Each structure stands twice: as C-alpha cells, then as structure tokens.
Amino acid sequence: MVTTLTIIIALNCLLLMGVILIQNPKGGGVDSTFGGGAANQMFGAAKSTDFIEKLTWGLAISLFVLCIITAIVVSGGSGEQILQTEQ
C-alpha cells in the first residue's frame, strides 16, 4: 500500500513539475533577463492558461492529500498507538 502511494506521489510530482514549467510567467523575473520572450508565445491560447492554472492547483492539492494519507497509513492509522506505547 505504501509503495503504491509512493509511486502515485512520484507521478504527481512529475506532472506538477511539467505543468509549472509550461505556465505563462506573470511578471518579468529571470525569464525576461535571458531572452525568454519567445517562450511566452509557445502556448498562446487564452483558455489554456485557465486550464493549466486549474491543473496546477488540482495537482498541488492532490499531492498534499496523498502525503497526508501516506503519513496516516505509515503511522498505523491513528496517534493513539504512540500515546499507549509511551505510558
């Protein structure tokens, strides 16, 4: 179970990195310094930026949820076991 969750988290991270890299930059930043003006024209459709932004948020939220689920599975389901072993 933990191995499956770890693989899903790794795939989610790879997708999130890819989606972040294809986003249209909002400000000048480093991209404009190195002549990245042509890169802004690569993904020029207006609706694609909305989809990419929603996909970024969806992947980020799913990564957060998957990490919480994995932590719960690894810890054995609840924190009560930790309290009982300390007493």
N, C-alpha and C. Protein backbone atom coordinates (compact mmCIF):
# COMPACT_ATOMS: atom_id res chain seq x y z
N MET A 1 0.82 -1.20 0.00
CA MET A 1 0.00 0.00 0.00
C MET A 1 0.87 1.26 0.00
N VAL A 2 1.89 1.25 0.84
CA VAL A 2 2.76 2.43 0.92
C VAL A 2 3.54 2.58 -0.39
N THR A 3 3.95 1.47 -0.98
CA THR A 3 4.68 1.53 -2.25
C THR A 3 3.80 2.13 -3.35
N THR A 4 2.56 1.73 -3.39
CA THR A 4 1.63 2.26 -4.39
C THR A 4 1.42 3.76 -4.19
N LEU A 5 1.23 4.17 -2.96
CA LEU A 5 1.06 5.60 -2.68
C LEU A 5 2.31 6.39 -3.03
N THR A 6 3.48 5.81 -2.77
CA THR A 6 4.73 6.49 -3.10
C THR A 6 4.88 6.67 -4.61
N ILE A 7 4.52 5.66 -5.36
CA ILE A 7 4.59 5.75 -6.83
C ILE A 7 3.62 6.81 -7.35
N ILE A 8 2.40 6.84 -6.78
CA ILE A 8 1.42 7.84 -7.18
C ILE A 8 1.92 9.25 -6.84
N ILE A 9 2.54 9.41 -5.68
CA ILE A 9 3.09 10.71 -5.30
C ILE A 9 4.20 11.12 -6.26
N ALA A 10 5.06 10.19 -6.64
CA ALA A 10 6.15 10.50 -7.56
C ALA A 10 5.61 10.93 -8.93
N LEU A 11 4.59 10.23 -9.43
CA LEU A 11 3.99 10.60 -10.71
C LEU A 11 3.31 11.97 -10.61
N ASN A 12 2.64 12.21 -9.49
CA ASN A 12 2.01 13.51 -9.26
C ASN A 12 3.06 14.62 -9.27
N CYS A 13 4.19 14.39 -8.63
CA CYS A 13 5.26 15.39 -8.59
C CYS A 13 5.81 15.67 -9.99
N LEU A 14 6.00 14.63 -10.78
CA LEU A 14 6.50 14.82 -12.14
C LEU A 14 5.51 15.63 -12.98
N LEU A 15 4.22 15.30 -12.87
CA LEU A 15 3.21 16.05 -13.59
C LEU A 15 3.16 17.51 -13.12
N LEU A 16 3.26 17.70 -11.83
CA LEU A 16 3.23 19.06 -11.28
C LEU A 16 4.42 19.88 -11.78
N MET A 17 5.59 19.27 -11.83
CA MET A 17 6.77 19.98 -12.35
C MET A 17 6.56 20.38 -13.80
N GLY A 18 6.04 19.45 -14.60
CA GLY A 18 5.80 19.75 -16.01
C GLY A 18 4.79 20.86 -16.21
N VAL A 19 3.70 20.82 -15.44
CA VAL A 19 2.66 21.83 -15.56
C VAL A 19 3.19 23.20 -15.13
N ILE A 20 3.99 23.23 -14.09
CA ILE A 20 4.55 24.50 -13.64
C ILE A 20 5.51 25.07 -14.69
N LEU A 21 6.28 24.21 -15.33
CA LEU A 21 7.24 24.70 -16.32
C LEU A 21 6.57 25.26 -17.57
N ILE A 22 5.37 24.80 -17.93
CA ILE A 22 4.73 25.32 -19.14
C ILE A 22 3.81 26.51 -18.87
N GLN A 23 3.72 26.92 -17.61
CA GLN A 23 2.87 28.07 -17.30
C GLN A 23 3.44 29.35 -17.88
N ASN A 24 2.53 30.25 -18.18
CA ASN A 24 2.92 31.56 -18.68
C ASN A 24 3.37 32.41 -17.49
N PRO A 25 4.59 32.94 -17.51
CA PRO A 25 5.04 33.75 -16.38
C PRO A 25 4.22 35.03 -16.25
N LYS A 26 3.90 35.39 -15.01
CA LYS A 26 3.07 36.57 -14.75
C LYS A 26 3.86 37.87 -14.76
N GLY A 27 5.13 37.83 -14.35
CA GLY A 27 5.94 39.04 -14.29
C GLY A 27 7.23 38.87 -15.04
N GLY A 28 8.09 39.89 -14.97
CA GLY A 28 9.37 39.85 -15.67
C GLY A 28 10.24 38.71 -15.21
N GLY A 29 10.74 38.79 -14.00
CA GLY A 29 11.53 37.72 -13.41
C GLY A 29 12.78 37.39 -14.18
N VAL A 30 13.28 36.20 -13.98
CA VAL A 30 14.51 35.74 -14.61
C VAL A 30 14.29 35.43 -16.08
N ASP A 31 13.08 35.03 -16.44
CA ASP A 31 12.79 34.63 -17.81
C ASP A 31 13.10 35.74 -18.81
N SER A 32 12.71 36.96 -18.50
CA SER A 32 12.94 38.07 -19.43
C SER A 32 14.42 38.46 -19.49
N THR A 33 15.15 38.17 -18.44
CA THR A 33 16.57 38.51 -18.40
C THR A 33 17.36 37.71 -19.43
N PHE A 34 17.01 36.45 -19.60
CA PHE A 34 17.75 35.57 -20.50
C PHE A 34 17.09 35.45 -21.87
N GLY A 35 16.29 36.39 -22.26
CA GLY A 35 15.70 36.39 -23.59
C GLY A 35 14.58 35.39 -23.75
N GLY A 36 13.76 35.23 -22.77
CA GLY A 36 12.69 34.26 -22.83
C GLY A 36 11.41 34.79 -23.41
N GLY A 37 11.46 35.86 -24.16
CA GLY A 37 10.26 36.44 -24.74
C GLY A 37 9.58 35.51 -25.74
N ALA A 38 10.36 34.73 -26.48
CA ALA A 38 9.79 33.81 -27.46
C ALA A 38 9.08 32.64 -26.78
N ALA A 39 9.48 32.30 -25.58
CA ALA A 39 8.85 31.18 -24.88
C ALA A 39 7.42 31.52 -24.48
N ASN A 40 7.12 32.79 -24.31
CA ASN A 40 5.76 33.19 -23.94
C ASN A 40 4.77 32.93 -25.07
N GLN A 41 5.25 32.91 -26.32
CA GLN A 41 4.38 32.71 -27.46
C GLN A 41 4.11 31.23 -27.75
N MET A 42 4.82 30.33 -27.08
CA MET A 42 4.72 28.91 -27.40
C MET A 42 3.34 28.35 -27.09
N PHE A 43 2.79 28.69 -25.94
CA PHE A 43 1.47 28.20 -25.55
C PHE A 43 0.53 29.40 -25.51
N GLY A 44 0.14 29.87 -26.69
CA GLY A 44 -0.51 31.16 -26.78
C GLY A 44 -2.01 31.19 -26.59
N ALA A 45 -2.70 30.08 -26.51
CA ALA A 45 -4.16 30.12 -26.40
C ALA A 45 -4.58 30.68 -25.05
N ALA A 46 -5.59 31.53 -25.06
CA ALA A 46 -6.03 32.19 -23.83
C ALA A 46 -6.68 31.21 -22.86
N LYS A 47 -7.45 30.28 -23.36
CA LYS A 47 -8.14 29.33 -22.49
C LYS A 47 -7.18 28.32 -21.88
N SER A 48 -6.05 28.07 -22.51
CA SER A 48 -5.12 27.08 -21.98
C SER A 48 -4.50 27.54 -20.67
N THR A 49 -4.37 28.85 -20.46
CA THR A 49 -3.80 29.32 -19.20
C THR A 49 -4.74 29.04 -18.04
N ASP A 50 -6.05 29.17 -18.26
CA ASP A 50 -7.02 28.84 -17.22
C ASP A 50 -6.94 27.36 -16.87
N PHE A 51 -6.87 26.52 -17.89
CA PHE A 51 -6.80 25.08 -17.67
C PHE A 51 -5.51 24.70 -16.95
N ILE A 52 -4.40 25.28 -17.38
CA ILE A 52 -3.10 24.97 -16.76
C ILE A 52 -3.09 25.42 -15.31
N GLU A 53 -3.67 26.58 -15.01
CA GLU A 53 -3.70 27.06 -13.63
C GLU A 53 -4.57 26.16 -12.75
N LYS A 54 -5.71 25.75 -13.27
CA LYS A 54 -6.58 24.84 -12.51
C LYS A 54 -5.92 23.48 -12.32
N LEU A 55 -5.20 23.02 -13.34
CA LEU A 55 -4.49 21.75 -13.24
C LEU A 55 -3.37 21.84 -12.20
N THR A 56 -2.68 22.97 -12.15
CA THR A 56 -1.63 23.17 -11.16
C THR A 56 -2.19 23.09 -9.75
N TRP A 57 -3.29 23.80 -9.50
CA TRP A 57 -3.91 23.77 -8.17
C TRP A 57 -4.42 22.37 -7.83
N GLY A 58 -5.01 21.70 -8.80
CA GLY A 58 -5.51 20.34 -8.56
C GLY A 58 -4.39 19.37 -8.21
N LEU A 59 -3.28 19.46 -8.94
CA LEU A 59 -2.15 18.58 -8.65
C LEU A 59 -1.50 18.91 -7.31
N ALA A 60 -1.43 20.19 -6.97
CA ALA A 60 -0.85 20.59 -5.69
C ALA A 60 -1.71 20.10 -4.52
N ILE A 61 -3.02 20.24 -4.65
CA ILE A 61 -3.93 19.77 -3.60
C ILE A 61 -3.89 18.25 -3.49
N SER A 62 -3.86 17.57 -4.63
CA SER A 62 -3.80 16.11 -4.58
C SER A 62 -2.48 15.62 -3.98
N LEU A 63 -1.39 16.34 -4.23
CA LEU A 63 -0.11 15.98 -3.63
C LEU A 63 -0.18 16.12 -2.11
N PHE A 64 -0.77 17.19 -1.65
CA PHE A 64 -0.93 17.42 -0.21
C PHE A 64 -1.76 16.31 0.42
N VAL A 65 -2.89 15.98 -0.20
CA VAL A 65 -3.78 14.94 0.33
C VAL A 65 -3.09 13.58 0.32
N LEU A 66 -2.39 13.26 -0.76
CA LEU A 66 -1.68 11.98 -0.84
C LEU A 66 -0.59 11.87 0.22
N CYS A 67 0.10 12.95 0.50
CA CYS A 67 1.13 12.92 1.54
C CYS A 67 0.51 12.71 2.92
N ILE A 68 -0.63 13.34 3.18
CA ILE A 68 -1.31 13.14 4.46
C ILE A 68 -1.79 11.70 4.59
N ILE A 69 -2.38 11.16 3.53
CA ILE A 69 -2.85 9.77 3.56
C ILE A 69 -1.70 8.81 3.78
N THR A 70 -0.57 9.04 3.10
CA THR A 70 0.59 8.17 3.27
C THR A 70 1.13 8.23 4.69
N ALA A 71 1.16 9.42 5.28
CA ALA A 71 1.62 9.55 6.66
C ALA A 71 0.70 8.79 7.62
N ILE A 72 -0.60 8.84 7.37
CA ILE A 72 -1.55 8.12 8.22
C ILE A 72 -1.36 6.61 8.07
N VAL A 73 -1.19 6.15 6.83
CA VAL A 73 -1.00 4.71 6.59
C VAL A 73 0.28 4.22 7.25
N VAL A 74 1.36 4.99 7.12
CA VAL A 74 2.64 4.57 7.68
C VAL A 74 2.59 4.55 9.21
N SER A 75 1.88 5.51 9.80
CA SER A 75 1.82 5.57 11.26
C SER A 75 0.88 4.53 11.86
N GLY A 76 0.12 3.84 11.05
CA GLY A 76 -0.75 2.79 11.54
C GLY A 76 -2.19 3.21 11.73
N GLY A 77 -2.56 4.36 11.28
CA GLY A 77 -3.95 4.75 11.29
C GLY A 77 -4.33 5.79 12.32
N SER A 78 -3.70 5.80 13.50
CA SER A 78 -4.07 6.82 14.49
C SER A 78 -2.90 7.11 15.40
N GLY A 79 -2.99 8.20 16.09
CA GLY A 79 -1.93 8.59 17.01
C GLY A 79 -2.07 7.96 18.38
N GLU A 80 -3.15 7.21 18.61
CA GLU A 80 -3.36 6.60 19.92
C GLU A 80 -2.30 5.56 20.24
N GLN A 81 -1.81 4.88 19.24
CA GLN A 81 -0.80 3.85 19.47
C GLN A 81 0.48 4.45 20.04
N ILE A 82 0.83 5.62 19.58
CA ILE A 82 2.03 6.29 20.07
C ILE A 82 1.86 6.64 21.55
N LEU A 83 0.69 7.14 21.91
CA LEU A 83 0.45 7.50 23.31
C LEU A 83 0.44 6.28 24.21
N GLN A 84 -0.09 5.18 23.74
CA GLN A 84 -0.16 3.96 24.55
C GLN A 84 1.21 3.36 24.76
N THR A 85 2.10 3.42 23.81
CA THR A 85 3.42 2.83 23.96
C THR A 85 4.32 3.66 24.86
N GLU A 86 4.03 4.96 24.98
CA GLU A 86 4.86 5.81 25.84
C GLU A 86 4.55 5.62 27.31
N GLN A 87 3.36 5.17 27.66
CA GLN A 87 2.96 5.04 29.06
C GLN A 87 3.46 3.79 29.70
